[in-house]
């Protein structure tokens, strides 16, 4: 694992989804994003690999899911989608 902090980047659609969430959910997501910036594959996140997708993972935050793709060599974590669990896997 390379040294340094990861830069967390949102896709435009994921950022719009994030902004539309209630404040208390956004605060919980912010805590997860902080951990992602330290190490996106840290076991404390209890992340799961998404089947059928190369290098895509999801983190459960209550009834919401955050889907991301880490680029280890570039120290970047791309947030792809943030949505309620019933909607997150549609159109993905």
C-alpha atoms as a PDB file:
ATOM      1  CA  UNK A   1       0.000   0.000   0.000  1.00  0.00           C
ATOM      2  CA  UNK A   2       1.508   3.374  -1.005  1.00  0.00           C
ATOM      3  CA  UNK A   3       2.158   5.948   1.710  1.00  0.00           C
ATOM      4  CA  UNK A   4       0.069   9.106   1.904  1.00  0.00           C
ATOM      5  CA  UNK A   5      -3.584   9.995   1.931  1.00  0.00           C
ATOM      6  CA  UNK A   6      -5.951   9.123  -0.860  1.00  0.00           C
ATOM      7  CA  UNK A   7      -7.801  11.866  -2.682  1.00  0.00           C
ATOM      8  CA  UNK A   8     -11.565  11.218  -2.691  1.00  0.00           C
ATOM      9  CA  UNK A   9     -13.217  12.333  -5.939  1.00  0.00           C
ATOM     10  CA  UNK A  10     -16.938  12.231  -6.656  1.00  0.00           C
ATOM     11  CA  UNK A  11     -18.492  11.654 -10.038  1.00  0.00           C
ATOM     12  CA  UNK A  12     -20.910  14.530 -10.735  1.00  0.00           C
ATOM     13  CA  UNK A  13     -23.975  12.313 -10.384  1.00  0.00           C
ATOM     14  CA  UNK A  14     -22.701  10.823  -7.112  1.00  0.00           C
ATOM     15  CA  UNK A  15     -22.076  14.290  -5.684  1.00  0.00           C
ATOM     16  CA  UNK A  16     -25.627  15.368  -6.574  1.00  0.00           C
ATOM     17  CA  UNK A  17     -26.956  12.222  -4.869  1.00  0.00           C
ATOM     18  CA  UNK A  18     -24.819  12.987  -1.818  1.00  0.00           C
ATOM     19  CA  UNK A  19     -26.046  16.594  -1.596  1.00  0.00           C
ATOM     20  CA  UNK A  20     -29.690  15.472  -1.796  1.00  0.00           C
ATOM     21  CA  UNK A  21     -29.373  13.224   1.266  1.00  0.00           C
ATOM     22  CA  UNK A  22     -30.534  14.255   4.748  1.00  0.00           C
ATOM     23  CA  UNK A  23     -27.890  15.988   6.856  1.00  0.00           C
ATOM     24  CA  UNK A  24     -27.543  13.159   9.386  1.00  0.00           C
ATOM     25  CA  UNK A  25     -26.832  10.640   6.605  1.00  0.00           C
ATOM     26  CA  UNK A  26     -24.297  12.998   4.979  1.00  0.00           C
ATOM     27  CA  UNK A  27     -22.467  13.269   8.319  1.00  0.00           C
ATOM     28  CA  UNK A  28     -22.216   9.476   8.547  1.00  0.00           C
ATOM     29  CA  UNK A  29     -20.987   9.327   4.939  1.00  0.00           C
ATOM     30  CA  UNK A  30     -18.394  11.999   5.748  1.00  0.00           C
ATOM     31  CA  UNK A  31     -16.988   9.710   8.448  1.00  0.00           C
ATOM     32  CA  UNK A  32     -16.700   6.876   5.919  1.00  0.00           C
ATOM     33  CA  UNK A  33     -15.054   9.214   3.395  1.00  0.00           C
ATOM     34  CA  UNK A  34     -12.472  10.148   6.034  1.00  0.00           C
ATOM     35  CA  UNK A  35     -11.569   6.480   6.487  1.00  0.00           C
ATOM     36  CA  UNK A  36     -11.498   5.998   2.693  1.00  0.00           C
ATOM     37  CA  UNK A  37      -8.976   8.818   2.418  1.00  0.00           C
ATOM     38  CA  UNK A  38      -6.666   6.954   4.806  1.00  0.00           C
ATOM     39  CA  UNK A  39      -7.045   3.494   3.236  1.00  0.00           C
ATOM     40  CA  UNK A  40      -9.917   2.468   0.912  1.00  0.00           C
ATOM     41  CA  UNK A  41      -9.408  -1.228   1.664  1.00  0.00           C
ATOM     42  CA  UNK A  42      -9.348  -0.969   5.454  1.00  0.00           C
ATOM     43  CA  UNK A  43     -11.206  -3.844   7.120  1.00  0.00           C
ATOM     44  CA  UNK A  44     -12.976  -1.511   9.559  1.00  0.00           C
ATOM     45  CA  UNK A  45     -15.147  -0.329   6.637  1.00  0.00           C
ATOM     46  CA  UNK A  46     -16.507  -3.845   6.159  1.00  0.00           C
ATOM     47  CA  UNK A  47     -16.479  -3.203   2.415  1.00  0.00           C
ATOM     48  CA  UNK A  48     -17.588  -5.806  -0.117  1.00  0.00           C
ATOM     49  CA  UNK A  49     -16.467  -6.312  -3.690  1.00  0.00           C
ATOM     50  CA  UNK A  50     -19.223  -5.906  -6.255  1.00  0.00           C
ATOM     51  CA  UNK A  51     -19.602  -9.016  -8.376  1.00  0.00           C
ATOM     52  CA  UNK A  52     -19.196  -8.538 -12.099  1.00  0.00           C
ATOM     53  CA  UNK A  53     -17.326  -5.248 -11.728  1.00  0.00           C
ATOM     54  CA  UNK A  54     -13.572  -4.872 -11.831  1.00  0.00           C
ATOM     55  CA  UNK A  55     -12.225  -2.964  -8.825  1.00  0.00           C
ATOM     56  CA  UNK A  56     -15.608  -1.731  -7.488  1.00  0.00           C
ATOM     57  CA  UNK A  57     -16.559  -1.943  -3.830  1.00  0.00           C
ATOM     58  CA  UNK A  58     -19.477  -0.936  -1.660  1.00  0.00           C
ATOM     59  CA  UNK A  59     -19.756   0.256   1.912  1.00  0.00           C
ATOM     60  CA  UNK A  60     -22.954  -0.037   3.897  1.00  0.00           C
ATOM     61  CA  UNK A  61     -24.025   3.065   5.818  1.00  0.00           C
ATOM     62  CA  UNK A  62     -27.324   2.146   7.442  1.00  0.00           C
ATOM     63  CA  UNK A  63     -29.873   1.850   4.632  1.00  0.00           C
ATOM     64  CA  UNK A  64     -27.551   3.661   2.217  1.00  0.00           C
ATOM     65  CA  UNK A  65     -24.708   2.341   0.095  1.00  0.00           C
ATOM     66  CA  UNK A  66     -21.590   4.091  -1.169  1.00  0.00           C
ATOM     67  CA  UNK A  67     -20.018   2.526  -4.252  1.00  0.00           C
ATOM     68  CA  UNK A  68     -16.402   3.405  -4.944  1.00  0.00           C
ATOM     69  CA  UNK A  69     -13.404   2.398  -7.003  1.00  0.00           C
ATOM     70  CA  UNK A  70      -9.899   2.801  -5.529  1.00  0.00           C
ATOM     71  CA  UNK A  71      -6.912   3.498  -7.753  1.00  0.00           C
ATOM     72  CA  UNK A  72      -4.128   2.450  -5.402  1.00  0.00           C
ATOM     73  CA  UNK A  73      -1.108   3.567  -7.454  1.00  0.00           C
ATOM     74  CA  UNK A  74      -2.568   7.047  -8.118  1.00  0.00           C
ATOM     75  CA  UNK A  75      -3.834   7.467  -4.498  1.00  0.00           C
ATOM     76  CA  UNK A  76      -7.367   8.213  -5.730  1.00  0.00           C
ATOM     77  CA  UNK A  77     -10.749   6.910  -4.582  1.00  0.00           C
ATOM     78  CA  UNK A  78     -13.595   7.560  -7.023  1.00  0.00           C
ATOM     79  CA  UNK A  79     -17.065   7.676  -5.473  1.00  0.00           C
ATOM     80  CA  UNK A  80     -19.368   6.331  -8.166  1.00  0.00           C
ATOM     81  CA  UNK A  81     -22.771   6.234  -6.499  1.00  0.00           C
ATOM     82  CA  UNK A  82     -24.437   7.103  -3.186  1.00  0.00           C
ATOM     83  CA  UNK A  83     -28.040   5.990  -2.774  1.00  0.00           C
ATOM     84  CA  UNK A  84     -30.583   4.073  -0.737  1.00  0.00           C
ATOM     85  CA  UNK A  85     -30.071   0.322  -0.823  1.00  0.00           C
ATOM     86  CA  UNK A  86     -33.225  -0.264  -2.892  1.00  0.00           C
ATOM     87  CA  UNK A  87     -32.000   2.087  -5.646  1.00  0.00           C
ATOM     88  CA  UNK A  88     -28.204   1.898  -5.593  1.00  0.00           C
ATOM     89  CA  UNK A  89     -27.742  -1.081  -7.928  1.00  0.00           C
ATOM     90  CA  UNK A  90     -30.165   0.130 -10.605  1.00  0.00           C
ATOM     91  CA  UNK A  91     -28.495   1.641 -13.659  1.00  0.00           C
ATOM     92  CA  UNK A  92     -25.093   0.635 -12.383  1.00  0.00           C
END
